[in-house]
Amino acid sequence: MTKEEILEKSRSDNAGKDIEDLEVQKTAATLAYFSSFGLCLLVSVLNWIFARHIKVECWIVFFGMACVTFFVKFSKLKKLHELFVALGYLLIFAGLLVFFILQLSGKIACAGAAA
């Protein structure tokens, strides 16, 4: 493949894509991911300080989002690491969801709820 053919292929692959826009979207997604983790952590700490228990609802949302993110990355990049991370997040998500449902059904008492 000649240099010109490589350049032409690159141009056709990137047609209609603004590289700067893609980088900004990537940065925004990364910041959103870490800020949502920080917000979940803040909510959990405040719940622990004032109510002596941690609500799992925000963590269910966070790990569900992370799970979907890594499954999409795996489907696009075909990197096994992304699949293992996605499966790990899926296990955490499923465990928290089961715990939440058991709390709602009254089978598990919420620590600090009586205080």
PDB file of N, CA and C in Angstrom:
ATOM      1  N   MET A   1       0.853  -1.179   0.000  1.00  0.00           N
ATOM      2  CA  MET A   1       0.000   0.000   0.000  1.00  0.00           C
ATOM      3  C   MET A   1       0.897   1.239   0.000  1.00  0.00           C
ATOM      4  N   THR A   2       0.637   2.143  -0.914  1.00  0.00           N
ATOM      5  CA  THR A   2       1.461   3.334  -1.020  1.00  0.00           C
ATOM      6  C   THR A   2       1.027   4.380   0.000  1.00  0.00           C
ATOM      7  N   LYS A   3       1.875   5.362   0.164  1.00  0.00           N
ATOM      8  CA  LYS A   3       1.595   6.448   1.100  1.00  0.00           C
ATOM      9  C   LYS A   3       0.296   7.162   0.711  1.00  0.00           C
ATOM     10  N   GLU A   4       0.094   7.377  -0.577  1.00  0.00           N
ATOM     11  CA  GLU A   4      -1.107   8.060  -1.042  1.00  0.00           C
ATOM     12  C   GLU A   4      -2.368   7.235  -0.755  1.00  0.00           C
ATOM     13  N   GLU A   5      -2.262   5.924  -0.929  1.00  0.00           N
ATOM     14  CA  GLU A   5      -3.415   5.049  -0.640  1.00  0.00           C
ATOM     15  C   GLU A   5      -3.758   5.064   0.840  1.00  0.00           C
ATOM     16  N   ILE A   6      -2.741   5.065   1.678  1.00  0.00           N
ATOM     17  CA  ILE A   6      -2.963   5.130   3.132  1.00  0.00           C
ATOM     18  C   ILE A   6      -3.627   6.442   3.514  1.00  0.00           C
ATOM     19  N   LEU A   7      -3.137   7.537   2.963  1.00  0.00           N
ATOM     20  CA  LEU A   7      -3.741   8.845   3.250  1.00  0.00           C
ATOM     21  C   LEU A   7      -5.186   8.910   2.772  1.00  0.00           C
ATOM     22  N   GLU A   8      -5.445   8.380   1.585  1.00  0.00           N
ATOM     23  CA  GLU A   8      -6.809   8.387   1.046  1.00  0.00           C
ATOM     24  C   GLU A   8      -7.740   7.545   1.918  1.00  0.00           C
ATOM     25  N   LYS A   9      -7.268   6.391   2.363  1.00  0.00           N
ATOM     26  CA  LYS A   9      -8.079   5.536   3.241  1.00  0.00           C
ATOM     27  C   LYS A   9      -8.373   6.249   4.557  1.00  0.00           C
ATOM     28  N   SER A  10      -7.355   6.918   5.104  1.00  0.00           N
ATOM     29  CA  SER A  10      -7.539   7.658   6.353  1.00  0.00           C
ATOM     30  C   SER A  10      -8.558   8.778   6.173  1.00  0.00           C
ATOM     31  N   ARG A  11      -8.475   9.488   5.049  1.00  0.00           N
ATOM     32  CA  ARG A  11      -9.436  10.571   4.779  1.00  0.00           C
ATOM     33  C   ARG A  11     -10.859  10.031   4.657  1.00  0.00           C
ATOM     34  N   SER A  12     -11.006   8.901   3.977  1.00  0.00           N
ATOM     35  CA  SER A  12     -12.354   8.347   3.805  1.00  0.00           C
ATOM     36  C   SER A  12     -12.893   7.792   5.122  1.00  0.00           C
ATOM     37  N   ASP A  13     -12.024   7.224   5.955  1.00  0.00           N
ATOM     38  CA  ASP A  13     -12.450   6.714   7.253  1.00  0.00           C
ATOM     39  C   ASP A  13     -12.890   7.839   8.187  1.00  0.00           C
ATOM     40  N   ASN A  14     -12.243   8.992   8.080  1.00  0.00           N
ATOM     41  CA  ASN A  14     -12.525  10.116   8.964  1.00  0.00           C
ATOM     42  C   ASN A  14     -13.426  11.168   8.331  1.00  0.00           C
ATOM     43  N   ALA A  15     -14.034  10.858   7.195  1.00  0.00           N
ATOM     44  CA  ALA A  15     -14.900  11.818   6.506  1.00  0.00           C
ATOM     45  C   ALA A  15     -16.077  12.196   7.401  1.00  0.00           C
ATOM     46  N   GLY A  16     -16.297  13.481   7.542  1.00  0.00           N
ATOM     47  CA  GLY A  16     -17.425  13.972   8.330  1.00  0.00           C
ATOM     48  C   GLY A  16     -17.171  13.969   9.827  1.00  0.00           C
ATOM     49  N   LYS A  17     -15.972  13.585  10.249  1.00  0.00           N
ATOM     50  CA  LYS A  17     -15.645  13.570  11.675  1.00  0.00           C
ATOM     51  C   LYS A  17     -14.699  14.720  11.986  1.00  0.00           C
ATOM     52  N   ASP A  18     -15.023  15.436  13.012  1.00  0.00           N
ATOM     53  CA  ASP A  18     -14.165  16.510  13.475  1.00  0.00           C
ATOM     54  C   ASP A  18     -13.337  15.950  14.632  1.00  0.00           C
ATOM     55  N   ILE A  19     -12.045  15.828  14.451  1.00  0.00           N
ATOM     56  CA  ILE A  19     -11.168  15.222  15.456  1.00  0.00           C
ATOM     57  C   ILE A  19     -11.224  16.005  16.765  1.00  0.00           C
ATOM     58  N   GLU A  20     -11.259  17.319  16.693  1.00  0.00           N
ATOM     59  CA  GLU A  20     -11.333  18.127  17.907  1.00  0.00           C
ATOM     60  C   GLU A  20     -12.638  17.850  18.651  1.00  0.00           C
ATOM     61  N   ASP A  21     -13.732  17.744  17.909  1.00  0.00           N
ATOM     62  CA  ASP A  21     -15.026  17.446  18.520  1.00  0.00           C
ATOM     63  C   ASP A  21     -14.998  16.088  19.206  1.00  0.00           C
ATOM     64  N   LEU A  22     -14.393  15.096  18.575  1.00  0.00           N
ATOM     65  CA  LEU A  22     -14.289  13.766  19.179  1.00  0.00           C
ATOM     66  C   LEU A  22     -13.461  13.805  20.456  1.00  0.00           C
ATOM     67  N   GLU A  23     -12.388  14.570  20.465  1.00  0.00           N
ATOM     68  CA  GLU A  23     -11.550  14.690  21.666  1.00  0.00           C
ATOM     69  C   GLU A  23     -12.304  15.388  22.796  1.00  0.00           C
ATOM     70  N   VAL A  24     -13.066  16.416  22.459  1.00  0.00           N
ATOM     71  CA  VAL A  24     -13.858  17.117  23.472  1.00  0.00           C
ATOM     72  C   VAL A  24     -14.919  16.182  24.056  1.00  0.00           C
ATOM     73  N   GLN A  25     -15.565  15.396  23.208  1.00  0.00           N
ATOM     74  CA  GLN A  25     -16.559  14.433  23.695  1.00  0.00           C
ATOM     75  C   GLN A  25     -15.915  13.395  24.607  1.00  0.00           C
ATOM     76  N   LYS A  26     -14.737  12.938  24.241  1.00  0.00           N
ATOM     77  CA  LYS A  26     -14.020  11.957  25.059  1.00  0.00           C
ATOM     78  C   LYS A  26     -13.674  12.549  26.423  1.00  0.00           C
ATOM     79  N   THR A  27     -13.169  13.778  26.431  1.00  0.00           N
ATOM     80  CA  THR A  27     -12.826  14.445  27.690  1.00  0.00           C
ATOM     81  C   THR A  27     -14.069  14.662  28.536  1.00  0.00           C
ATOM     82  N   ALA A  28     -15.154  15.090  27.917  1.00  0.00           N
ATOM     83  CA  ALA A  28     -16.397  15.319  28.651  1.00  0.00           C
ATOM     84  C   ALA A  28     -16.927  14.022  29.254  1.00  0.00           C
ATOM     85  N   ALA A  29     -16.872  12.938  28.505  1.00  0.00           N
ATOM     86  CA  ALA A  29     -17.347  11.651  29.014  1.00  0.00           C
ATOM     87  C   ALA A  29     -16.498  11.183  30.191  1.00  0.00           C
ATOM     88  N   THR A  30     -15.190  11.371  30.097  1.00  0.00           N
ATOM     89  CA  THR A  30     -14.300  10.984  31.186  1.00  0.00           C
ATOM     90  C   THR A  30     -14.587  11.809  32.440  1.00  0.00           C
ATOM     91  N   LEU A  31     -14.753  13.110  32.271  1.00  0.00           N
ATOM     92  CA  LEU A  31     -15.071  13.961  33.421  1.00  0.00           C
ATOM     93  C   LEU A  31     -16.423  13.609  34.022  1.00  0.00           C
ATOM     94  N   ALA A  32     -17.398  13.312  33.181  1.00  0.00           N
ATOM     95  CA  ALA A  32     -18.721  12.925  33.677  1.00  0.00           C
ATOM     96  C   ALA A  32     -18.640  11.627  34.465  1.00  0.00           C
ATOM     97  N   TYR A  33     -17.863  10.688  33.980  1.00  0.00           N
ATOM     98  CA  TYR A  33     -17.693   9.398  34.653  1.00  0.00           C
ATOM     99  C   TYR A  33     -17.099   9.600  36.046  1.00  0.00           C
ATOM    100  N   PHE A  34     -16.004  10.350  36.140  1.00  0.00           N
ATOM    101  CA  PHE A  34     -15.351  10.548  37.426  1.00  0.00           C
ATOM    102  C   PHE A  34     -16.157  11.453  38.353  1.00  0.00           C
ATOM    103  N   SER A  35     -16.854  12.437  37.806  1.00  0.00           N
ATOM    104  CA  SER A  35     -17.673  13.293  38.667  1.00  0.00           C
ATOM    105  C   SER A  35     -18.880  12.526  39.203  1.00  0.00           C
ATOM    106  N   SER A  36     -19.440  11.592  38.419  1.00  0.00           N
ATOM    107  CA  SER A  36     -20.552  10.792  38.939  1.00  0.00           C
ATOM    108  C   SER A  36     -20.061   9.870  40.049  1.00  0.00           C
ATOM    109  N   PHE A  37     -18.832   9.347  39.925  1.00  0.00           N
ATOM    110  CA  PHE A  37     -18.261   8.554  41.008  1.00  0.00           C
ATOM    111  C   PHE A  37     -18.102   9.421  42.257  1.00  0.00           C
ATOM    112  N   GLY A  38     -17.582  10.636  42.077  1.00  0.00           N
ATOM    113  CA  GLY A  38     -17.409  11.554  43.206  1.00  0.00           C
ATOM    114  C   GLY A  38     -18.726  11.919  43.873  1.00  0.00           C
ATOM    115  N   LEU A  39     -19.753  12.116  43.059  1.00  0.00           N
ATOM    116  CA  LEU A  39     -21.066  12.447  43.629  1.00  0.00           C
ATOM    117  C   LEU A  39     -21.651  11.263  44.406  1.00  0.00           C
ATOM    118  N   CYS A  40     -21.492  10.065  43.880  1.00  0.00           N
ATOM    119  CA  CYS A  40     -21.952   8.873  44.607  1.00  0.00           C
ATOM    120  C   CYS A  40     -21.211   8.740  45.932  1.00  0.00           C
ATOM    121  N   LEU A  41     -19.922   8.989  45.900  1.00  0.00           N
ATOM    122  CA  LEU A  41     -19.116   8.917  47.116  1.00  0.00           C
ATOM    123  C   LEU A  41     -19.564   9.978  48.118  1.00  0.00           C
ATOM    124  N   LEU A  42     -19.803  11.190  47.652  1.00  0.00           N
ATOM    125  CA  LEU A  42     -20.268  12.268  48.527  1.00  0.00           C
ATOM    126  C   LEU A  42     -21.612  11.926  49.167  1.00  0.00           C
ATOM    127  N   VAL A  43     -22.547  11.439  48.360  1.00  0.00           N
ATOM    128  CA  VAL A  43     -23.865  11.054  48.886  1.00  0.00           C
ATOM    129  C   VAL A  43     -23.719   9.942  49.925  1.00  0.00           C
ATOM    130  N   SER A  44     -22.858   8.979  49.662  1.00  0.00           N
ATOM    131  CA  SER A  44     -22.666   7.877  50.597  1.00  0.00           C
ATOM    132  C   SER A  44     -22.054   8.360  51.907  1.00  0.00           C
ATOM    133  N   VAL A  45     -21.058   9.237  51.819  1.00  0.00           N
ATOM    134  CA  VAL A  45     -20.429   9.767  53.028  1.00  0.00           C
ATOM    135  C   VAL A  45     -21.432  10.581  53.837  1.00  0.00           C
ATOM    136  N   LEU A  46     -22.199  11.431  53.170  1.00  0.00           N
ATOM    137  CA  LEU A  46     -23.204  12.228  53.886  1.00  0.00           C
ATOM    138  C   LEU A  46     -24.275  11.341  54.514  1.00  0.00           C
ATOM    139  N   ASN A  47     -24.708  10.303  53.806  1.00  0.00           N
ATOM    140  CA  ASN A  47     -25.668   9.365  54.389  1.00  0.00           C
ATOM    141  C   ASN A  47     -25.078   8.682  55.617  1.00  0.00           C
ATOM    142  N   TRP A  48     -23.804   8.314  55.555  1.00  0.00           N
ATOM    143  CA  TRP A  48     -23.180   7.647  56.692  1.00  0.00           C
ATOM    144  C   TRP A  48     -23.053   8.605  57.882  1.00  0.00           C
ATOM    145  N   ILE A  49     -22.666   9.844  57.612  1.00  0.00           N
ATOM    146  CA  ILE A  49     -22.504  10.826  58.693  1.00  0.00           C
ATOM    147  C   ILE A  49     -23.830  11.117  59.383  1.00  0.00           C
ATOM    148  N   PHE A  50     -24.885  11.338  58.601  1.00  0.00           N
ATOM    149  CA  PHE A  50     -26.142  11.778  59.181  1.00  0.00           C
ATOM    150  C   PHE A  50     -27.127  10.664  59.494  1.00  0.00           C
ATOM    151  N   ALA A  51     -27.064   9.538  58.810  1.00  0.00           N
ATOM    152  CA  ALA A  51     -28.059   8.486  59.024  1.00  0.00           C
ATOM    153  C   ALA A  51     -27.441   7.141  59.411  1.00  0.00           C
ATOM    154  N   ARG A  52     -26.124   7.051  59.399  1.00  0.00           N
ATOM    155  CA  ARG A  52     -25.403   5.824  59.748  1.00  0.00           C
ATOM    156  C   ARG A  52     -25.753   4.628  58.866  1.00  0.00           C
ATOM    157  N   HIS A  53     -26.097   4.897  57.634  1.00  0.00           N
ATOM    158  CA  HIS A  53     -26.250   3.829  56.644  1.00  0.00           C
ATOM    159  C   HIS A  53     -25.955   4.403  55.262  1.00  0.00           C
ATOM    160  N   ILE A  54     -25.686   3.514  54.339  1.00  0.00           N
ATOM    161  CA  ILE A  54     -25.376   3.928  52.972  1.00  0.00           C
ATOM    162  C   ILE A  54     -26.462   3.396  52.052  1.00  0.00           C
ATOM    163  N   LYS A  55     -27.056   4.297  51.308  1.00  0.00           N
ATOM    164  CA  LYS A  55     -28.057   3.888  50.330  1.00  0.00           C
ATOM    165  C   LYS A  55     -27.338   3.404  49.074  1.00  0.00           C
ATOM    166  N   VAL A  56     -27.846   2.343  48.490  1.00  0.00           N
ATOM    167  CA  VAL A  56     -27.174   1.751  47.336  1.00  0.00           C
ATOM    168  C   VAL A  56     -27.711   2.243  45.996  1.00  0.00           C
ATOM    169  N   GLU A  57     -28.761   3.034  46.015  1.00  0.00           N
ATOM    170  CA  GLU A  57     -29.398   3.434  44.763  1.00  0.00           C
ATOM    171  C   GLU A  57     -28.448   4.140  43.812  1.00  0.00           C
ATOM    172  N   CYS A  58     -27.675   5.111  44.312  1.00  0.00           N
ATOM    173  CA  CYS A  58     -26.769   5.832  43.409  1.00  0.00           C
ATOM    174  C   CYS A  58     -25.661   4.917  42.907  1.00  0.00           C
ATOM    175  N   TRP A  59     -25.240   3.960  43.722  1.00  0.00           N
ATOM    176  CA  TRP A  59     -24.205   3.018  43.290  1.00  0.00           C
ATOM    177  C   TRP A  59     -24.743   2.053  42.234  1.00  0.00           C
ATOM    178  N   ILE A  60     -26.023   1.709  42.334  1.00  0.00           N
ATOM    179  CA  ILE A  60     -26.636   0.867  41.299  1.00  0.00           C
ATOM    180  C   ILE A  60     -26.577   1.588  39.953  1.00  0.00           C
ATOM    181  N   VAL A  61     -26.928   2.854  39.958  1.00  0.00           N
ATOM    182  CA  VAL A  61     -26.894   3.647  38.725  1.00  0.00           C
ATOM    183  C   VAL A  61     -25.456   3.768  38.218  1.00  0.00           C
ATOM    184  N   PHE A  62     -24.520   4.071  39.120  1.00  0.00           N
ATOM    185  CA  PHE A  62     -23.128   4.246  38.703  1.00  0.00           C
ATOM    186  C   PHE A  62     -22.561   2.969  38.082  1.00  0.00           C
ATOM    187  N   PHE A  63     -22.724   1.831  38.771  1.00  0.00           N
ATOM    188  CA  PHE A  63     -22.152   0.594  38.243  1.00  0.00           C
ATOM    189  C   PHE A  63     -22.909   0.095  37.013  1.00  0.00           C
ATOM    190  N   GLY A  64     -24.196   0.402  36.904  1.00  0.00           N
ATOM    191  CA  GLY A  64     -24.923   0.083  35.682  1.00  0.00           C
ATOM    192  C   GLY A  64     -24.377   0.872  34.505  1.00  0.00           C
ATOM    193  N   MET A  65     -24.102   2.148  34.729  1.00  0.00           N
ATOM    194  CA  MET A  65     -23.531   3.006  33.692  1.00  0.00           C
ATOM    195  C   MET A  65     -22.138   2.515  33.301  1.00  0.00           C
ATOM    196  N   ALA A  66     -21.328   2.195  34.286  1.00  0.00           N
ATOM    197  CA  ALA A  66     -19.969   1.718  34.008  1.00  0.00           C
ATOM    198  C   ALA A  66     -20.000   0.393  33.248  1.00  0.00           C
ATOM    199  N   CYS A  67     -20.921  -0.478  33.620  1.00  0.00           N
ATOM    200  CA  CYS A  67     -21.063  -1.767  32.957  1.00  0.00           C
ATOM    201  C   CYS A  67     -21.388  -1.575  31.471  1.00  0.00           C
ATOM    202  N   VAL A  68     -22.348  -0.730  31.191  1.00  0.00           N
ATOM    203  CA  VAL A  68     -22.729  -0.465  29.797  1.00  0.00           C
ATOM    204  C   VAL A  68     -21.562   0.156  29.039  1.00  0.00           C
ATOM    205  N   THR A  69     -20.860   1.094  29.663  1.00  0.00           N
ATOM    206  CA  THR A  69     -19.716   1.743  29.028  1.00  0.00           C
ATOM    207  C   THR A  69     -18.683   0.721  28.585  1.00  0.00           C
ATOM    208  N   PHE A  70     -18.333  -0.208  29.471  1.00  0.00           N
ATOM    209  CA  PHE A  70     -17.289  -1.170  29.132  1.00  0.00           C
ATOM    210  C   PHE A  70     -17.781  -2.249  28.172  1.00  0.00           C
ATOM    211  N   PHE A  71     -19.074  -2.594  28.217  1.00  0.00           N
ATOM    212  CA  PHE A  71     -19.590  -3.527  27.218  1.00  0.00           C
ATOM    213  C   PHE A  71     -19.556  -2.899  25.822  1.00  0.00           C
ATOM    214  N   VAL A  72     -19.872  -1.609  25.735  1.00  0.00           N
ATOM    215  CA  VAL A  72     -19.804  -0.920  24.441  1.00  0.00           C
ATOM    216  C   VAL A  72     -18.359  -0.847  23.962  1.00  0.00           C
ATOM    217  N   LYS A  73     -17.442  -0.521  24.883  1.00  0.00           N
ATOM    218  CA  LYS A  73     -16.030  -0.478  24.504  1.00  0.00           C
ATOM    219  C   LYS A  73     -15.564  -1.845  24.011  1.00  0.00           C
ATOM    220  N   PHE A  74     -15.997  -2.908  24.686  1.00  0.00           N
ATOM    221  CA  PHE A  74     -15.607  -4.245  24.246  1.00  0.00           C
ATOM    222  C   PHE A  74     -16.181  -4.554  22.870  1.00  0.00           C
ATOM    223  N   SER A  75     -17.445  -4.192  22.659  1.00  0.00           N
ATOM    224  CA  SER A  75     -18.067  -4.510  21.370  1.00  0.00           C
ATOM    225  C   SER A  75     -17.398  -3.766  20.215  1.00  0.00           C
ATOM    226  N   LYS A  76     -16.870  -2.590  20.482  1.00  0.00           N
ATOM    227  CA  LYS A  76     -16.220  -1.805  19.426  1.00  0.00           C
ATOM    228  C   LYS A  76     -14.738  -2.153  19.261  1.00  0.00           C
ATOM    229  N   LEU A  77     -14.039  -2.354  20.386  1.00  0.00           N
ATOM    230  CA  LEU A  77     -12.588  -2.545  20.344  1.00  0.00           C
ATOM    231  C   LEU A  77     -12.158  -4.006  20.361  1.00  0.00           C
ATOM    232  N   LYS A  78     -13.052  -4.880  20.794  1.00  0.00           N
ATOM    233  CA  LYS A  78     -12.761  -6.319  20.881  1.00  0.00           C
ATOM    234  C   LYS A  78     -11.557  -6.617  21.781  1.00  0.00           C
ATOM    235  N   LYS A  79     -11.374  -5.806  22.828  1.00  0.00           N
ATOM    236  CA  LYS A  79     -10.301  -6.038  23.792  1.00  0.00           C
ATOM    237  C   LYS A  79     -10.865  -6.829  24.964  1.00  0.00           C
ATOM    238  N   LEU A  80     -10.213  -7.942  25.277  1.00  0.00           N
ATOM    239  CA  LEU A  80     -10.691  -8.825  26.328  1.00  0.00           C
ATOM    240  C   LEU A  80     -10.717  -8.132  27.689  1.00  0.00           C
ATOM    241  N   HIS A  81      -9.778  -7.219  27.913  1.00  0.00           N
ATOM    242  CA  HIS A  81      -9.746  -6.469  29.175  1.00  0.00           C
ATOM    243  C   HIS A  81     -11.056  -5.735  29.417  1.00  0.00           C
ATOM    244  N   GLU A  82     -11.594  -5.124  28.380  1.00  0.00           N
ATOM    245  CA  GLU A  82     -12.845  -4.375  28.498  1.00  0.00           C
ATOM    246  C   GLU A  82     -13.991  -5.307  28.895  1.00  0.00           C
ATOM    247  N   LEU A  83     -13.990  -6.519  28.361  1.00  0.00           N
ATOM    248  CA  LEU A  83     -15.012  -7.498  28.709  1.00  0.00           C
ATOM    249  C   LEU A  83     -14.911  -7.891  30.175  1.00  0.00           C
ATOM    250  N   PHE A  84     -13.694  -8.142  30.662  1.00  0.00           N
ATOM    251  CA  PHE A  84     -13.523  -8.539  32.062  1.00  0.00           C
ATOM    252  C   PHE A  84     -13.942  -7.418  33.014  1.00  0.00           C
ATOM    253  N   VAL A  85     -13.613  -6.185  32.674  1.00  0.00           N
ATOM    254  CA  VAL A  85     -14.031  -5.049  33.502  1.00  0.00           C
ATOM    255  C   VAL A  85     -15.559  -4.928  33.482  1.00  0.00           C
ATOM    256  N   ALA A  86     -16.157  -5.077  32.304  1.00  0.00           N
ATOM    257  CA  ALA A  86     -17.621  -5.002  32.178  1.00  0.00           C
ATOM    258  C   ALA A  86     -18.286  -6.093  33.015  1.00  0.00           C
ATOM    259  N   LEU A  87     -17.748  -7.307  32.969  1.00  0.00           N
ATOM    260  CA  LEU A  87     -18.325  -8.404  33.762  1.00  0.00           C
ATOM    261  C   LEU A  87     -18.166  -8.152  35.255  1.00  0.00           C
ATOM    262  N   GLY A  88     -17.041  -7.574  35.656  1.00  0.00           N
ATOM    263  CA  GLY A  88     -16.862  -7.208  37.062  1.00  0.00           C
ATOM    264  C   GLY A  88     -17.887  -6.183  37.503  1.00  0.00           C
ATOM    265  N   TYR A  89     -18.079  -5.157  36.697  1.00  0.00           N
ATOM    266  CA  TYR A  89     -19.082  -4.142  37.015  1.00  0.00           C
ATOM    267  C   TYR A  89     -20.491  -4.739  37.005  1.00  0.00           C
ATOM    268  N   LEU A  90     -20.727  -5.684  36.111  1.00  0.00           N
ATOM    269  CA  LEU A  90     -22.034  -6.339  36.060  1.00  0.00           C
ATOM    270  C   LEU A  90     -22.296  -7.124  37.345  1.00  0.00           C
ATOM    271  N   LEU A  91     -21.287  -7.800  37.856  1.00  0.00           N
ATOM    272  CA  LEU A  91     -21.446  -8.539  39.119  1.00  0.00           C
ATOM    273  C   LEU A  91     -21.749  -7.597  40.280  1.00  0.00           C
ATOM    274  N   ILE A  92     -21.019  -6.491  40.349  1.00  0.00           N
ATOM    275  CA  ILE A  92     -21.274  -5.507  41.410  1.00  0.00           C
ATOM    276  C   ILE A  92     -22.677  -4.938  41.264  1.00  0.00           C
ATOM    277  N   PHE A  93     -23.048  -4.567  40.039  1.00  0.00           N
ATOM    278  CA  PHE A  93     -24.386  -4.026  39.770  1.00  0.00           C
ATOM    279  C   PHE A  93     -25.467  -5.017  40.200  1.00  0.00           C
ATOM    280  N   ALA A  94     -25.318  -6.286  39.804  1.00  0.00           N
ATOM    281  CA  ALA A  94     -26.326  -7.305  40.125  1.00  0.00           C
ATOM    282  C   ALA A  94     -26.407  -7.526  41.628  1.00  0.00           C
ATOM    283  N   GLY A  95     -25.257  -7.566  42.294  1.00  0.00           N
ATOM    284  CA  GLY A  95     -25.262  -7.745  43.744  1.00  0.00           C
ATOM    285  C   GLY A  95     -25.960  -6.600  44.458  1.00  0.00           C
ATOM    286  N   LEU A  96     -25.667  -5.374  44.057  1.00  0.00           N
ATOM    287  CA  LEU A  96     -26.317  -4.216  44.669  1.00  0.00           C
ATOM    288  C   LEU A  96     -27.811  -4.194  44.374  1.00  0.00           C
ATOM    289  N   LEU A  97     -28.189  -4.599  43.170  1.00  0.00           N
ATOM    290  CA  LEU A  97     -29.605  -4.627  42.808  1.00  0.00           C
ATOM    291  C   LEU A  97     -30.365  -5.659  43.649  1.00  0.00           C
ATOM    292  N   VAL A  98     -29.772  -6.839  43.817  1.00  0.00           N
ATOM    293  CA  VAL A  98     -30.398  -7.867  44.656  1.00  0.00           C
ATOM    294  C   VAL A  98     -30.522  -7.363  46.091  1.00  0.00           C
ATOM    295  N   PHE A  99     -29.457  -6.752  46.610  1.00  0.00           N
ATOM    296  CA  PHE A  99     -29.489  -6.196  47.964  1.00  0.00           C
ATOM    297  C   PHE A  99     -30.595  -5.155  48.103  1.00  0.00           C
ATOM    298  N   PHE A 100     -30.711  -4.273  47.105  1.00  0.00           N
ATOM    299  CA  PHE A 100     -31.737  -3.223  47.117  1.00  0.00           C
ATOM    300  C   PHE A 100     -33.140  -3.823  47.106  1.00  0.00           C
ATOM    301  N   ILE A 101     -33.354  -4.826  46.268  1.00  0.00           N
ATOM    302  CA  ILE A 101     -34.673  -5.464  46.187  1.00  0.00           C
ATOM    303  C   ILE A 101     -35.005  -6.167  47.502  1.00  0.00           C
ATOM    304  N   LEU A 102     -34.011  -6.817  48.097  1.00  0.00           N
ATOM    305  CA  LEU A 102     -34.242  -7.467  49.393  1.00  0.00           C
ATOM    306  C   LEU A 102     -34.561  -6.442  50.474  1.00  0.00           C
ATOM    307  N   GLN A 103     -33.917  -5.289  50.424  1.00  0.00           N
ATOM    308  CA  GLN A 103     -34.246  -4.212  51.369  1.00  0.00           C
ATOM    309  C   GLN A 103     -35.679  -3.740  51.169  1.00  0.00           C
ATOM    310  N   LEU A 104     -36.068  -3.532  49.918  1.00  0.00           N
ATOM    311  CA  LEU A 104     -37.432  -3.069  49.636  1.00  0.00           C
ATOM    312  C   LEU A 104     -38.480  -4.062  50.083  1.00  0.00           C
ATOM    313  N   SER A 105     -38.169  -5.354  49.937  1.00  0.00           N
ATOM    314  CA  SER A 105     -39.136  -6.380  50.315  1.00  0.00           C
ATOM    315  C   SER A 105     -39.167  -6.616  51.817  1.00  0.00           C
ATOM    316  N   GLY A 106     -38.242  -6.026  52.552  1.00  0.00           N
ATOM    317  CA  GLY A 106     -38.215  -6.166  54.000  1.00  0.00           C
ATOM    318  C   GLY A 106     -37.440  -7.380  54.482  1.00  0.00           C
ATOM    319  N   LYS A 107     -36.807  -8.102  53.593  1.00  0.00           N
ATOM    320  CA  LYS A 107     -36.062  -9.297  53.983  1.00  0.00           C
ATOM    321  C   LYS A 107     -34.711  -8.938  54.607  1.00  0.00           C
ATOM    322  N   ILE A 108     -34.201  -7.732  54.304  1.00  0.00           N
ATOM    323  CA  ILE A 108     -32.975  -7.234  54.928  1.00  0.00           C
ATOM    324  C   ILE A 108     -33.319  -5.883  55.536  1.00  0.00           C
ATOM    325  N   ALA A 109     -33.010  -5.746  56.825  1.00  0.00           N
ATOM    326  CA  ALA A 109     -33.255  -4.464  57.500  1.00  0.00           C
ATOM    327  C   ALA A 109     -32.151  -3.493  57.129  1.00  0.00           C
ATOM    328  N   CYS A 110     -32.532  -2.255  56.943  1.00  0.00           N
ATOM    329  CA  CYS A 110     -31.564  -1.206  56.630  1.00  0.00           C
ATOM    330  C   CYS A 110     -30.938  -0.732  57.929  1.00  0.00           C
ATOM    331  N   ALA A 111     -29.638  -0.919  58.076  1.00  0.00           N
ATOM    332  CA  ALA A 111     -28.940  -0.516  59.301  1.00  0.00           C
ATOM    333  C   ALA A 111     -29.074   0.976  59.493  1.00  0.00           C
ATOM    334  N   GLY A 112     -29.403   1.383  60.702  1.00  0.00           N
ATOM    335  CA  GLY A 112     -29.546   2.795  61.012  1.00  0.00           C
ATOM    336  C   GLY A 112     -30.935   3.333  60.730  1.00  0.00           C
ATOM    337  N   ALA A 113     -31.811   2.524  60.178  1.00  0.00           N
ATOM    338  CA  ALA A 113     -33.154   3.003  59.842  1.00  0.00           C
ATOM    339  C   ALA A 113     -33.984   3.265  61.093  1.00  0.00           C
ATOM    340  N   ALA A 114     -33.722   2.496  62.164  1.00  0.00           N
ATOM    341  CA  ALA A 114     -34.490   2.670  63.392  1.00  0.00           C
ATOM    342  C   ALA A 114     -33.983   3.825  64.214  1.00  0.00           C
ATOM    343  N   ALA A 115     -32.784   4.294  63.939  1.00  0.00           N
ATOM    344  CA  ALA A 115     -32.169   5.364  64.747  1.00  0.00           C
ATOM    345  C   ALA A 115     -32.761   6.699  64.438  1.00  0.00           C
TER     346      ALA A 115
END
